[in-house]
Amino acid sequence: MALLGNKKEKTYDTGDLKVPVSLGVIMDGNGRWATNRHLPRSAGHKVGAENLKELCRNCVRYGVKYLTVYAFSTENWARPQPEVDFLMKLFVELFDKYDEELAEEGIRVRFTGDDSELPKKVREVCKTAEERSKNRPNMQLIVALNYGGRREILNSCRQIAEKVKAGEIDPSDITEQMLSDNMYLPDVPDPELIIRPSGEMRLSNFLLWESAYSEFWVSDTLWPDFGYEHLTQAFRDFASRDRRFGGLSK
């Protein structure tokens, strides 16, 4: 697998490698990365944010069309307040700093999660990032911000319940597709592959509904050190798997 051309033109020669159209990444291990180096946790978050830019670039080269990254969960508010404040500030700086590079790569930015609890400045930055990137064609970067899979499912159920209450539908009309259609971003395909750096073997409330048939790939490498070679190995492993969706191999 070769890296070709200059920065603006380089692409990956994938050959026969099957690459997921929709990819999920749980960006885990920033704090441990910093602690291992006797640095404050904030340093790990900053390096991790820089690494997201590299992941986006690599995914575009590979032809991934949807990249959903777990940036801040509904449970992360329980972290120390200085760390939460730093992360909120980092989100604001990140999209201001890298918008030009994202534009060069043709990356559209979207957000998923419950934005009602986010600081006003963060909500404004999210809205601006979505609006100015909406026509970029190469890949959608979906940032899960104040996101929780259980809350997303609950939100979908509540929306459907309101329709039942209003007499628009009967409970017997409710289908799995109806629940899917009421998720935060129903137009985004379910992830075919979910990658988790840091060695943890759990979803941590990430895309619970959407990951029903996702393949999983876990690396002991902490997120700030996760690079092209790890992504390539994940894609190679994904390509070798037999995805039967409950059926039998042909």
Protein backbone atom coordinates (compact mmCIF):
# COMPACT_ATOMS: atom_id res chain seq x y z
CA MET A 1 0.00 0.00 0.00
CA ALA A 2 1.65 3.18 -1.18
CA LEU A 3 1.32 6.86 -0.42
CA LEU A 4 1.39 8.80 -3.67
CA GLY A 5 1.83 12.41 -4.72
CA ASN A 6 2.18 15.66 -2.78
CA LYS A 7 0.11 16.77 0.19
CA LYS A 8 -2.85 18.02 -1.84
CA GLU A 9 -2.85 15.17 -4.35
CA LYS A 10 -1.67 12.11 -2.45
CA THR A 11 -3.97 9.09 -2.36
CA TYR A 12 -3.65 5.58 -1.04
CA ASP A 13 -3.44 2.77 -3.53
CA THR A 14 -5.95 0.46 -1.84
CA GLY A 15 -5.75 -2.26 -4.50
CA ASP A 16 -8.38 -4.87 -3.60
CA LEU A 17 -8.64 -3.68 0.00
CA LYS A 18 -12.26 -3.27 1.08
CA VAL A 19 -12.64 -0.01 2.99
CA PRO A 20 -15.74 0.80 5.05
CA VAL A 21 -17.99 3.51 3.68
CA SER A 22 -18.95 4.46 7.23
CA LEU A 23 -16.39 4.30 10.04
CA GLY A 24 -16.67 4.99 13.76
CA VAL A 25 -13.70 5.81 15.99
CA ILE A 26 -13.67 6.04 19.79
CA MET A 27 -10.78 8.42 20.43
CA ASP A 28 -9.64 6.97 23.74
CA GLY A 29 -6.44 7.22 25.75
CA ASN A 30 -5.53 10.92 25.69
CA GLY A 31 -5.28 11.19 29.46
CA ARG A 32 -3.21 8.02 29.85
CA TRP A 33 -0.92 9.14 27.02
CA ALA A 34 -0.20 12.35 28.94
CA THR A 35 0.15 10.66 32.31
CA ASN A 36 2.66 8.19 30.88
CA ARG A 37 4.78 11.20 29.88
CA HIS A 38 4.31 13.03 33.19
CA LEU A 39 2.27 15.70 31.43
CA PRO A 40 -1.08 17.22 32.39
CA ARG A 41 -4.13 15.46 30.89
CA SER A 42 -4.83 18.60 28.88
CA ALA A 43 -1.65 17.97 26.89
CA GLY A 44 -3.01 14.58 25.85
CA HIS A 45 -6.30 16.08 24.74
CA LYS A 46 -4.48 18.68 22.67
CA VAL A 47 -2.30 16.09 20.90
CA GLY A 48 -5.38 13.91 20.44
CA ALA A 49 -7.18 16.78 18.74
CA GLU A 50 -4.24 17.24 16.39
CA ASN A 51 -4.39 13.54 15.57
CA LEU A 52 -8.02 13.84 14.50
CA LYS A 53 -6.83 16.02 11.64
CA GLU A 54 -4.47 13.25 10.50
CA LEU A 55 -7.21 10.63 10.80
CA CYS A 56 -9.48 12.73 8.62
CA ARG A 57 -6.78 13.14 5.99
CA ASN A 58 -6.03 9.41 5.93
CA CYS A 59 -9.72 8.48 5.73
CA VAL A 60 -10.27 10.81 2.78
CA ARG A 61 -7.32 9.22 0.98
CA TYR A 62 -8.76 5.78 1.60
CA GLY A 63 -12.20 6.76 0.33
CA VAL A 64 -14.16 6.63 3.61
CA LYS A 65 -17.33 8.68 3.14
CA TYR A 66 -18.57 8.98 6.73
CA LEU A 67 -16.31 9.22 9.78
CA THR A 68 -18.01 9.44 13.19
CA VAL A 69 -15.69 10.22 16.10
CA TYR A 70 -16.53 10.06 19.80
CA ALA A 71 -15.34 13.39 21.17
CA PHE A 72 -17.34 13.96 24.37
CA SER A 73 -19.93 11.68 25.94
CA THR A 74 -22.94 12.48 28.11
CA GLU A 75 -20.97 10.86 30.96
CA ASN A 76 -17.87 13.02 30.48
CA TRP A 77 -19.44 15.88 32.44
CA ALA A 78 -18.47 13.88 35.55
CA ARG A 79 -14.80 14.64 34.92
CA PRO A 80 -13.05 17.40 36.92
CA GLN A 81 -14.43 20.81 35.96
CA PRO A 82 -11.05 22.22 34.78
CA GLU A 83 -10.72 19.30 32.35
CA VAL A 84 -14.26 19.79 31.05
CA ASP A 85 -13.64 23.53 30.62
CA PHE A 86 -10.42 22.82 28.72
CA LEU A 87 -12.20 20.39 26.38
CA MET A 88 -14.97 22.89 25.64
CA LYS A 89 -12.36 25.54 24.84
CA LEU A 90 -10.45 23.04 22.70
CA PHE A 91 -13.53 22.27 20.60
CA VAL A 92 -13.93 25.95 19.82
CA GLU A 93 -10.26 26.39 18.88
CA LEU A 94 -10.13 23.18 16.87
CA PHE A 95 -12.69 24.09 14.23
CA ASP A 96 -11.49 27.67 13.92
CA LYS A 97 -7.90 26.50 13.49
CA TYR A 98 -8.43 23.64 11.06
CA ASP A 99 -11.37 24.77 8.95
CA GLU A 100 -9.12 25.81 6.06
CA GLU A 101 -7.42 22.41 6.01
CA LEU A 102 -10.76 20.62 6.25
CA ALA A 103 -11.97 22.71 3.34
CA GLU A 104 -8.91 21.75 1.26
CA GLU A 105 -9.73 18.09 1.92
CA GLY A 106 -13.39 18.61 1.02
CA ILE A 107 -14.57 17.51 4.47
CA ARG A 108 -18.06 18.39 5.63
CA VAL A 109 -18.44 18.78 9.41
CA ARG A 110 -21.55 17.68 11.30
CA PHE A 111 -22.37 17.08 14.94
CA THR A 112 -24.44 14.46 16.70
CA GLY A 113 -25.61 14.51 20.29
CA ASP A 114 -27.64 16.66 22.66
CA ASP A 115 -26.40 20.21 22.16
CA SER A 116 -28.78 21.70 24.72
CA GLU A 117 -26.23 21.20 27.52
CA LEU A 118 -23.26 22.63 25.63
CA PRO A 119 -21.95 26.15 26.33
CA LYS A 120 -23.38 28.81 24.03
CA LYS A 121 -20.01 29.45 22.36
CA VAL A 122 -19.61 25.76 21.53
CA ARG A 123 -23.12 25.62 20.04
CA GLU A 124 -22.34 28.67 17.91
CA VAL A 125 -19.09 27.15 16.64
CA CYS A 126 -20.86 23.89 15.80
CA LYS A 127 -23.57 25.71 13.87
CA THR A 128 -21.01 27.79 11.96
CA ALA A 129 -18.85 24.75 11.15
CA GLU A 130 -21.86 22.85 9.80
CA GLU A 131 -23.12 25.76 7.73
CA ARG A 132 -19.87 26.72 6.05
CA SER A 133 -18.91 23.13 5.25
CA LYS A 134 -22.27 21.80 4.04
CA ASN A 135 -21.33 21.64 0.35
CA ARG A 136 -17.98 19.87 0.74
CA PRO A 137 -18.12 16.62 -1.23
CA ASN A 138 -15.38 14.21 -0.16
CA MET A 139 -16.24 13.01 3.34
CA GLN A 140 -18.53 13.80 6.25
CA LEU A 141 -16.85 14.16 9.64
CA ILE A 142 -19.50 13.56 12.29
CA VAL A 143 -18.39 14.67 15.74
CA ALA A 144 -20.27 13.01 18.61
CA LEU A 145 -20.40 15.84 21.14
CA ASN A 146 -22.35 15.42 24.38
CA TYR A 147 -23.44 12.18 22.79
CA GLY A 148 -24.87 9.09 24.47
CA GLY A 149 -26.28 6.10 22.64
CA ARG A 150 -28.95 5.45 25.27
CA ARG A 151 -30.05 9.08 25.18
CA GLU A 152 -30.28 8.96 21.39
CA ILE A 153 -32.53 5.88 21.53
CA LEU A 154 -34.63 7.49 24.28
CA ASN A 155 -34.98 10.64 22.17
CA SER A 156 -36.16 8.57 19.21
CA CYS A 157 -38.72 6.75 21.37
CA ARG A 158 -40.04 10.03 22.74
CA GLN A 159 -40.52 11.48 19.26
CA ILE A 160 -42.46 8.40 18.18
CA ALA A 161 -44.50 8.46 21.41
CA GLU A 162 -45.53 12.02 20.63
CA LYS A 163 -46.83 10.87 17.25
CA VAL A 164 -48.78 8.06 18.92
CA LYS A 165 -50.20 10.52 21.45
CA ALA A 166 -51.27 12.84 18.64
CA GLY A 167 -53.02 9.99 16.89
CA GLU A 168 -50.72 10.17 13.87
CA ILE A 169 -49.65 6.53 14.18
CA ASP A 170 -50.75 3.40 16.04
CA PRO A 171 -48.30 1.56 18.34
CA SER A 172 -48.58 -1.45 16.05
CA ASP A 173 -47.17 0.70 13.23
CA ILE A 174 -43.84 1.21 15.02
CA THR A 175 -40.95 -0.51 13.25
CA GLU A 176 -37.19 -0.69 13.61
CA GLN A 177 -36.92 1.57 10.57
CA MET A 178 -39.11 4.14 12.30
CA LEU A 179 -36.74 4.20 15.28
CA SER A 180 -33.78 4.57 12.90
CA ASP A 181 -35.53 7.42 11.10
CA ASN A 182 -35.82 9.32 14.40
CA MET A 183 -32.17 9.01 15.44
CA TYR A 184 -30.03 12.16 15.48
CA LEU A 185 -28.64 11.77 11.94
CA PRO A 186 -30.80 9.20 10.14
CA ASP A 187 -29.17 9.87 6.77
CA VAL A 188 -25.74 8.69 7.99
CA PRO A 189 -25.17 4.97 7.26
CA ASP A 190 -24.57 2.65 10.21
CA PRO A 191 -20.83 2.18 10.79
CA GLU A 192 -19.47 -0.94 9.16
CA LEU A 193 -16.38 -0.78 11.37
CA ILE A 194 -15.75 0.75 14.81
CA ILE A 195 -12.16 1.29 15.92
CA ARG A 196 -11.17 1.76 19.55
CA PRO A 197 -7.57 2.63 20.45
CA SER A 198 -6.37 2.21 24.06
CA GLY A 199 -7.22 -1.48 24.45
CA GLU A 200 -10.61 -1.04 26.12
CA MET A 201 -13.11 -3.70 25.04
CA ARG A 202 -16.38 -1.81 25.26
CA LEU A 203 -18.57 0.63 23.32
CA SER A 204 -18.94 3.13 26.18
CA ASN A 205 -22.42 4.19 25.04
CA PHE A 206 -21.26 4.96 21.47
CA LEU A 207 -23.71 4.37 18.59
CA LEU A 208 -25.56 1.61 20.43
CA TRP A 209 -28.42 1.38 17.92
CA GLU A 210 -26.29 1.92 14.83
CA SER A 211 -23.59 -0.62 15.77
CA ALA A 212 -25.86 -3.69 15.77
CA TYR A 213 -23.86 -5.24 12.92
CA SER A 214 -20.64 -3.24 13.09
CA GLU A 215 -17.29 -4.98 13.07
CA PHE A 216 -14.96 -4.02 15.94
CA TRP A 217 -11.22 -3.48 15.92
CA VAL A 218 -9.29 -2.70 19.11
CA SER A 219 -5.69 -1.53 19.43
CA ASP A 220 -3.58 -1.18 22.57
CA THR A 221 -2.13 1.98 21.04
CA LEU A 222 -3.39 5.12 22.77
CA TRP A 223 -5.27 7.57 20.57
CA PRO A 224 -2.54 10.27 20.23
CA ASP A 225 -0.19 7.62 18.79
CA PHE A 226 -2.79 6.05 16.49
CA GLY A 227 -1.65 6.59 12.91
CA TYR A 228 -1.78 5.51 9.31
CA GLU A 229 -0.28 2.08 9.93
CA HIS A 230 -2.89 1.27 12.59
CA LEU A 231 -5.73 2.44 10.36
CA THR A 232 -4.35 0.34 7.52
CA GLN A 233 -4.22 -2.76 9.71
CA ALA A 234 -7.78 -2.15 10.87
CA PHE A 235 -8.93 -1.95 7.25
CA ARG A 236 -7.02 -5.09 6.31
CA ASP A 237 -8.63 -7.00 9.18
CA PHE A 238 -12.04 -5.61 8.24
CA ALA A 239 -11.58 -6.73 4.63
CA SER A 240 -10.81 -10.28 5.77
CA ARG A 241 -13.97 -10.69 7.84
CA ASP A 242 -17.06 -12.55 6.68
CA ARG A 243 -20.01 -10.25 7.31
CA ARG A 244 -23.06 -12.54 7.31
CA PHE A 245 -25.67 -10.33 9.07
CA GLY A 246 -27.20 -13.39 10.73
CA GLY A 247 -27.18 -15.49 7.58
CA LEU A 248 -24.75 -18.03 6.18
CA SER A 249 -21.70 -17.52 4.01
CA LYS A 250 -22.26 -18.14 0.34
